């Protein structure tokens, strides 16, 4: 079950702890300077750890994610 759209009601901001993570991500993705990209196997981008790669196994270098929000300021 998802929460209703994030909107001001009676000039008050909603209590964000009651808003689902999916709704927050979808709201942020509509903002200027924010881009949602697909990452992972067979995608145009991959997400991997920058530091301590030599101490991790190959499986632990790559971060498991399907989509990432990129802030372009």
PDB file of N, CA and C in Angstrom:
ATOM      1  N   UNK A   1       0.834  -1.179   0.000  1.00  0.00           N
ATOM      2  CA  UNK A   1       0.000   0.000   0.000  1.00  0.00           C
ATOM      3  C   UNK A   1       0.878   1.242   0.000  1.00  0.00           C
ATOM      4  N   UNK A   2       0.602   2.160  -0.897  1.00  0.00           N
ATOM      5  CA  UNK A   2       1.386   3.379  -0.953  1.00  0.00           C
ATOM      6  C   UNK A   2       0.635   4.517  -0.289  1.00  0.00           C
ATOM      7  N   UNK A   3       1.397   5.511   0.083  1.00  0.00           N
ATOM      8  CA  UNK A   3       0.805   6.671   0.734  1.00  0.00           C
ATOM      9  C   UNK A   3       0.292   7.641  -0.325  1.00  0.00           C
ATOM     10  N   UNK A   4      -0.596   8.552   0.054  1.00  0.00           N
ATOM     11  CA  UNK A   4      -1.061   9.540  -0.913  1.00  0.00           C
ATOM     12  C   UNK A   4       0.078  10.447  -1.346  1.00  0.00           C
ATOM     13  N   UNK A   5      -0.135  11.197  -2.412  1.00  0.00           N
ATOM     14  CA  UNK A   5       0.889  12.120  -2.891  1.00  0.00           C
ATOM     15  C   UNK A   5       1.355  13.030  -1.765  1.00  0.00           C
ATOM     16  N   UNK A   6       2.615  13.419  -1.835  1.00  0.00           N
ATOM     17  CA  UNK A   6       3.188  14.284  -0.822  1.00  0.00           C
ATOM     18  C   UNK A   6       2.768  15.710  -1.138  1.00  0.00           C
ATOM     19  N   UNK A   7       1.879  16.231  -0.361  1.00  0.00           N
ATOM     20  CA  UNK A   7       1.375  17.585  -0.583  1.00  0.00           C
ATOM     21  C   UNK A   7       1.204  18.284   0.752  1.00  0.00           C
ATOM     22  N   UNK A   8       1.277  19.613   0.689  1.00  0.00           N
ATOM     23  CA  UNK A   8       0.995  20.392   1.881  1.00  0.00           C
ATOM     24  C   UNK A   8      -0.501  20.399   2.127  1.00  0.00           C
ATOM     25  N   UNK A   9      -0.877  20.272   3.369  1.00  0.00           N
ATOM     26  CA  UNK A   9      -2.272  20.384   3.744  1.00  0.00           C
ATOM     27  C   UNK A   9      -2.368  21.366   4.893  1.00  0.00           C
ATOM     28  N   UNK A  10      -3.275  22.340   4.748  1.00  0.00           N
ATOM     29  CA  UNK A  10      -3.446  23.376   5.777  1.00  0.00           C
ATOM     30  C   UNK A  10      -2.125  24.075   6.087  1.00  0.00           C
ATOM     31  N   UNK A  11      -1.344  24.365   5.036  1.00  0.00           N
ATOM     32  CA  UNK A  11      -0.056  25.056   5.162  1.00  0.00           C
ATOM     33  C   UNK A  11       0.938  24.316   6.060  1.00  0.00           C
ATOM     34  N   UNK A  12       0.799  23.009   6.192  1.00  0.00           N
ATOM     35  CA  UNK A  12       1.739  22.223   6.978  1.00  0.00           C
ATOM     36  C   UNK A  12       2.350  21.150   6.099  1.00  0.00           C
ATOM     37  N   UNK A  13       3.640  20.943   6.290  1.00  0.00           N
ATOM     38  CA  UNK A  13       4.300  19.861   5.579  1.00  0.00           C
ATOM     39  C   UNK A  13       3.854  18.531   6.166  1.00  0.00           C
ATOM     40  N   UNK A  14       3.792  17.490   5.345  1.00  0.00           N
ATOM     41  CA  UNK A  14       3.397  16.183   5.875  1.00  0.00           C
ATOM     42  C   UNK A  14       4.495  15.624   6.777  1.00  0.00           C
ATOM     43  N   UNK A  15       4.115  14.744   7.657  1.00  0.00           N
ATOM     44  CA  UNK A  15       5.073  14.039   8.492  1.00  0.00           C
ATOM     45  C   UNK A  15       5.714  12.965   7.617  1.00  0.00           C
ATOM     46  N   UNK A  16       6.957  13.173   7.242  1.00  0.00           N
ATOM     47  CA  UNK A  16       7.599  12.298   6.262  1.00  0.00           C
ATOM     48  C   UNK A  16       7.791  10.870   6.753  1.00  0.00           C
ATOM     49  N   UNK A  17       7.747  10.635   8.051  1.00  0.00           N
ATOM     50  CA  UNK A  17       7.888   9.260   8.527  1.00  0.00           C
ATOM     51  C   UNK A  17       6.671   8.424   8.147  1.00  0.00           C
ATOM     52  N   UNK A  18       5.578   9.078   7.776  1.00  0.00           N
ATOM     53  CA  UNK A  18       4.377   8.370   7.353  1.00  0.00           C
ATOM     54  C   UNK A  18       4.286   8.229   5.831  1.00  0.00           C
ATOM     55  N   UNK A  19       5.297   8.694   5.122  1.00  0.00           N
ATOM     56  CA  UNK A  19       5.324   8.619   3.657  1.00  0.00           C
ATOM     57  C   UNK A  19       6.212   7.451   3.259  1.00  0.00           C
ATOM     58  N   UNK A  20       5.749   6.651   2.319  1.00  0.00           N
ATOM     59  CA  UNK A  20       6.533   5.480   1.909  1.00  0.00           C
ATOM     60  C   UNK A  20       7.818   5.902   1.195  1.00  0.00           C
ATOM     61  N   UNK A  21       8.815   5.043   1.266  1.00  0.00           N
ATOM     62  CA  UNK A  21      10.081   5.299   0.590  1.00  0.00           C
ATOM     63  C   UNK A  21       9.872   5.435  -0.913  1.00  0.00           C
ATOM     64  N   UNK A  22       9.033   4.584  -1.500  1.00  0.00           N
ATOM     65  CA  UNK A  22       8.751   4.671  -2.938  1.00  0.00           C
ATOM     66  C   UNK A  22       8.174   6.035  -3.308  1.00  0.00           C
ATOM     67  N   UNK A  23       7.244   6.539  -2.493  1.00  0.00           N
ATOM     68  CA  UNK A  23       6.653   7.848  -2.780  1.00  0.00           C
ATOM     69  C   UNK A  23       7.684   8.966  -2.648  1.00  0.00           C
ATOM     70  N   UNK A  24       8.552   8.879  -1.661  1.00  0.00           N
ATOM     71  CA  UNK A  24       9.606   9.882  -1.517  1.00  0.00           C
ATOM     72  C   UNK A  24      10.548   9.881  -2.713  1.00  0.00           C
ATOM     73  N   UNK A  25      10.946   8.692  -3.146  1.00  0.00           N
ATOM     74  CA  UNK A  25      11.848   8.580  -4.297  1.00  0.00           C
ATOM     75  C   UNK A  25      11.181   9.121  -5.558  1.00  0.00           C
ATOM     76  N   UNK A  26       9.930   8.762  -5.769  1.00  0.00           N
ATOM     77  CA  UNK A  26       9.223   9.250  -6.955  1.00  0.00           C
ATOM     78  C   UNK A  26       9.051  10.760  -6.928  1.00  0.00           C
ATOM     79  N   UNK A  27       8.820  11.329  -5.769  1.00  0.00           N
ATOM     80  CA  UNK A  27       8.711  12.784  -5.647  1.00  0.00           C
ATOM     81  C   UNK A  27      10.044  13.452  -5.940  1.00  0.00           C
ATOM     82  N   UNK A  28      11.119  12.938  -5.341  1.00  0.00           N
ATOM     83  CA  UNK A  28      12.441  13.516  -5.586  1.00  0.00           C
ATOM     84  C   UNK A  28      12.846  13.417  -7.052  1.00  0.00           C
ATOM     85  N   UNK A  29      12.472  12.345  -7.701  1.00  0.00           N
ATOM     86  CA  UNK A  29      12.845  12.136  -9.106  1.00  0.00           C
ATOM     87  C   UNK A  29      12.207  13.180 -10.026  1.00  0.00           C
ATOM     88  N   UNK A  30      11.150  13.853  -9.571  1.00  0.00           N
ATOM     89  CA  UNK A  30      10.495  14.876 -10.405  1.00  0.00           C
ATOM     90  C   UNK A  30      11.137  16.242 -10.243  1.00  0.00           C
ATOM     91  N   UNK A  31      12.060  16.386  -9.320  1.00  0.00           N
ATOM     92  CA  UNK A  31      12.655  17.687  -9.021  1.00  0.00           C
ATOM     93  C   UNK A  31      13.728  18.041 -10.052  1.00  0.00           C
ATOM     94  N   UNK A  32      13.886  19.344 -10.325  1.00  0.00           N
ATOM     95  CA  UNK A  32      14.963  19.769 -11.221  1.00  0.00           C
ATOM     96  C   UNK A  32      16.326  19.381 -10.648  1.00  0.00           C
ATOM     97  N   UNK A  33      17.207  18.932 -11.485  1.00  0.00           N
ATOM     98  CA  UNK A  33      18.549  18.561 -11.060  1.00  0.00           C
ATOM     99  C   UNK A  33      18.662  17.153 -10.504  1.00  0.00           C
ATOM    100  N   UNK A  34      17.561  16.407 -10.475  1.00  0.00           N
ATOM    101  CA  UNK A  34      17.587  15.027  -9.986  1.00  0.00           C
ATOM    102  C   UNK A  34      17.200  14.110 -11.135  1.00  0.00           C
ATOM    103  N   UNK A  35      17.995  13.090 -11.332  1.00  0.00           N
ATOM    104  CA  UNK A  35      17.751  12.149 -12.425  1.00  0.00           C
ATOM    105  C   UNK A  35      17.753  10.734 -11.861  1.00  0.00           C
ATOM    106  N   UNK A  36      16.783   9.938 -12.231  1.00  0.00           N
ATOM    107  CA  UNK A  36      16.724   8.532 -11.814  1.00  0.00           C
ATOM    108  C   UNK A  36      17.355   7.708 -12.931  1.00  0.00           C
ATOM    109  N   UNK A  37      18.362   6.908 -12.591  1.00  0.00           N
ATOM    110  CA  UNK A  37      19.024   6.073 -13.590  1.00  0.00           C
ATOM    111  C   UNK A  37      18.947   4.611 -13.170  1.00  0.00           C
ATOM    112  N   UNK A  38      18.946   3.729 -14.149  1.00  0.00           N
ATOM    113  CA  UNK A  38      18.997   2.287 -13.900  1.00  0.00           C
ATOM    114  C   UNK A  38      20.449   1.858 -13.824  1.00  0.00           C
ATOM    115  N   UNK A  39      20.752   1.022 -12.840  1.00  0.00           N
ATOM    116  CA  UNK A  39      22.116   0.542 -12.670  1.00  0.00           C
ATOM    117  C   UNK A  39      22.101  -0.972 -12.540  1.00  0.00           C
ATOM    118  N   UNK A  40      23.223  -1.578 -12.860  1.00  0.00           N
ATOM    119  CA  UNK A  40      23.347  -3.023 -12.658  1.00  0.00           C
ATOM    120  C   UNK A  40      23.670  -3.765 -13.929  1.00  0.00           C
ATOM    121  N   UNK A  41      23.542  -5.069 -13.834  1.00  0.00           N
ATOM    122  CA  UNK A  41      23.847  -5.963 -14.928  1.00  0.00           C
ATOM    123  C   UNK A  41      23.009  -5.614 -16.154  1.00  0.00           C
ATOM    124  N   UNK A  42      23.637  -5.479 -17.288  1.00  0.00           N
ATOM    125  CA  UNK A  42      22.992  -5.173 -18.568  1.00  0.00           C
ATOM    126  C   UNK A  42      22.349  -3.786 -18.594  1.00  0.00           C
ATOM    127  N   UNK A  43      22.789  -2.894 -17.730  1.00  0.00           N
ATOM    128  CA  UNK A  43      22.300  -1.516 -17.715  1.00  0.00           C
ATOM    129  C   UNK A  43      23.439  -0.587 -18.140  1.00  0.00           C
ATOM    130  N   UNK A  44      23.107   0.664 -18.511  1.00  0.00           N
ATOM    131  CA  UNK A  44      24.164   1.567 -18.961  1.00  0.00           C
ATOM    132  C   UNK A  44      25.112   2.026 -17.847  1.00  0.00           C
ATOM    133  N   UNK A  45      24.724   1.848 -16.583  1.00  0.00           N
ATOM    134  CA  UNK A  45      25.563   2.260 -15.463  1.00  0.00           C
ATOM    135  C   UNK A  45      25.733   1.103 -14.491  1.00  0.00           C
ATOM    136  N   UNK A  46      26.834   1.139 -13.741  1.00  0.00           N
ATOM    137  CA  UNK A  46      27.032   0.192 -12.666  1.00  0.00           C
ATOM    138  C   UNK A  46      27.415   0.974 -11.420  1.00  0.00           C
ATOM    139  N   UNK A  47      27.145   0.416 -10.278  1.00  0.00           N
ATOM    140  CA  UNK A  47      27.441   1.061  -9.007  1.00  0.00           C
ATOM    141  C   UNK A  47      28.394   0.153  -8.247  1.00  0.00           C
ATOM    142  N   UNK A  48      29.607   0.664  -8.010  1.00  0.00           N
ATOM    143  CA  UNK A  48      30.575  -0.156  -7.288  1.00  0.00           C
ATOM    144  C   UNK A  48      31.344   0.687  -6.294  1.00  0.00           C
ATOM    145  N   UNK A  49      31.892   0.007  -5.306  1.00  0.00           N
ATOM    146  CA  UNK A  49      32.630   0.695  -4.254  1.00  0.00           C
ATOM    147  C   UNK A  49      33.936   1.250  -4.806  1.00  0.00           C
ATOM    148  N   UNK A  50      34.276   2.451  -4.379  1.00  0.00           N
ATOM    149  CA  UNK A  50      35.485   3.096  -4.849  1.00  0.00           C
ATOM    150  C   UNK A  50      36.695   2.718  -3.992  1.00  0.00           C
ATOM    151  N   UNK A  51      36.474   2.594  -2.705  1.00  0.00           N
ATOM    152  CA  UNK A  51      37.581   2.349  -1.790  1.00  0.00           C
ATOM    153  C   UNK A  51      37.549   0.917  -1.265  1.00  0.00           C
ATOM    154  N   UNK A  52      38.690   0.417  -0.913  1.00  0.00           N
ATOM    155  CA  UNK A  52      38.864  -0.905  -0.318  1.00  0.00           C
ATOM    156  C   UNK A  52      38.492  -2.048  -1.278  1.00  0.00           C
ATOM    157  N   UNK A  53      38.525  -1.768  -2.568  1.00  0.00           N
ATOM    158  CA  UNK A  53      38.208  -2.814  -3.540  1.00  0.00           C
ATOM    159  C   UNK A  53      39.171  -3.991  -3.420  1.00  0.00           C
ATOM    160  N   UNK A  54      40.437  -3.693  -3.118  1.00  0.00           N
ATOM    161  CA  UNK A  54      41.422  -4.774  -3.041  1.00  0.00           C
ATOM    162  C   UNK A  54      41.193  -5.671  -1.834  1.00  0.00           C
ATOM    163  N   UNK A  55      40.385  -5.229  -0.865  1.00  0.00           N
ATOM    164  CA  UNK A  55      40.105  -6.031   0.324  1.00  0.00           C
ATOM    165  C   UNK A  55      38.782  -6.782   0.210  1.00  0.00           C
ATOM    166  N   UNK A  56      38.046  -6.586  -0.874  1.00  0.00           N
ATOM    167  CA  UNK A  56      36.724  -7.190  -1.022  1.00  0.00           C
ATOM    168  C   UNK A  56      36.742  -8.244  -2.122  1.00  0.00           C
ATOM    169  N   UNK A  57      35.838  -9.193  -2.015  1.00  0.00           N
ATOM    170  CA  UNK A  57      35.688 -10.149  -3.110  1.00  0.00           C
ATOM    171  C   UNK A  57      35.011  -9.438  -4.283  1.00  0.00           C
ATOM    172  N   UNK A  58      35.090 -10.012  -5.452  1.00  0.00           N
ATOM    173  CA  UNK A  58      34.469  -9.405  -6.630  1.00  0.00           C
ATOM    174  C   UNK A  58      32.976  -9.172  -6.428  1.00  0.00           C
ATOM    175  N   UNK A  59      32.306 -10.083  -5.727  1.00  0.00           N
ATOM    176  CA  UNK A  59      30.871  -9.944  -5.483  1.00  0.00           C
ATOM    177  C   UNK A  59      30.560  -8.750  -4.581  1.00  0.00           C
ATOM    178  N   UNK A  60      31.467  -8.400  -3.674  1.00  0.00           N
ATOM    179  CA  UNK A  60      31.230  -7.308  -2.732  1.00  0.00           C
ATOM    180  C   UNK A  60      31.628  -5.937  -3.268  1.00  0.00           C
ATOM    181  N   UNK A  61      32.331  -5.892  -4.389  1.00  0.00           N
ATOM    182  CA  UNK A  61      32.719  -4.609  -4.963  1.00  0.00           C
ATOM    183  C   UNK A  61      31.497  -3.906  -5.551  1.00  0.00           C
ATOM    184  N   UNK A  62      30.617  -4.663  -6.178  1.00  0.00           N
ATOM    185  CA  UNK A  62      29.435  -4.077  -6.807  1.00  0.00           C
ATOM    186  C   UNK A  62      28.305  -3.953  -5.799  1.00  0.00           C
ATOM    187  N   UNK A  63      27.641  -2.814  -5.822  1.00  0.00           N
ATOM    188  CA  UNK A  63      26.545  -2.535  -4.899  1.00  0.00           C
ATOM    189  C   UNK A  63      25.243  -2.953  -5.558  1.00  0.00           C
ATOM    190  N   UNK A  64      24.433  -3.711  -4.836  1.00  0.00           N
ATOM    191  CA  UNK A  64      23.172  -4.195  -5.356  1.00  0.00           C
ATOM    192  C   UNK A  64      22.133  -3.074  -5.337  1.00  0.00           C
ATOM    193  N   UNK A  65      21.748  -2.596  -6.502  1.00  0.00           N
ATOM    194  CA  UNK A  65      20.725  -1.552  -6.628  1.00  0.00           C
ATOM    195  C   UNK A  65      20.121  -1.651  -8.008  1.00  0.00           C
ATOM    196  N   UNK A  66      18.864  -1.305  -8.134  1.00  0.00           N
ATOM    197  CA  UNK A  66      18.205  -1.320  -9.434  1.00  0.00           C
ATOM    198  C   UNK A  66      18.134   0.077 -10.022  1.00  0.00           C
ATOM    199  N   UNK A  67      17.859   1.060  -9.157  1.00  0.00           N
ATOM    200  CA  UNK A  67      17.791   2.438  -9.588  1.00  0.00           C
ATOM    201  C   UNK A  67      18.492   3.313  -8.575  1.00  0.00           C
ATOM    202  N   UNK A  68      19.045   4.425  -9.064  1.00  0.00           N
ATOM    203  CA  UNK A  68      19.761   5.368  -8.230  1.00  0.00           C
ATOM    204  C   UNK A  68      19.296   6.767  -8.618  1.00  0.00           C
ATOM    205  N   UNK A  69      19.160   7.646  -7.616  1.00  0.00           N
ATOM    206  CA  UNK A  69      18.879   9.048  -7.895  1.00  0.00           C
ATOM    207  C   UNK A  69      20.212   9.779  -7.947  1.00  0.00           C
ATOM    208  N   UNK A  70      20.445  10.510  -9.040  1.00  0.00           N
ATOM    209  CA  UNK A  70      21.665  11.276  -9.217  1.00  0.00           C
ATOM    210  C   UNK A  70      21.292  12.742  -9.123  1.00  0.00           C
ATOM    211  N   UNK A  71      21.969  13.472  -8.244  1.00  0.00           N
ATOM    212  CA  UNK A  71      21.707  14.900  -8.081  1.00  0.00           C
ATOM    213  C   UNK A  71      22.748  15.655  -8.887  1.00  0.00           C
ATOM    214  N   UNK A  72      22.283  16.461  -9.825  1.00  0.00           N
ATOM    215  CA  UNK A  72      23.170  17.182 -10.734  1.00  0.00           C
ATOM    216  C   UNK A  72      23.064  18.675 -10.447  1.00  0.00           C
ATOM    217  N   UNK A  73      23.881  19.159  -9.515  1.00  0.00           N
ATOM    218  CA  UNK A  73      23.889  20.593  -9.196  1.00  0.00           C
ATOM    219  C   UNK A  73      25.141  21.236  -9.679  1.00  0.00           C
TER     220      UNK A  73
END
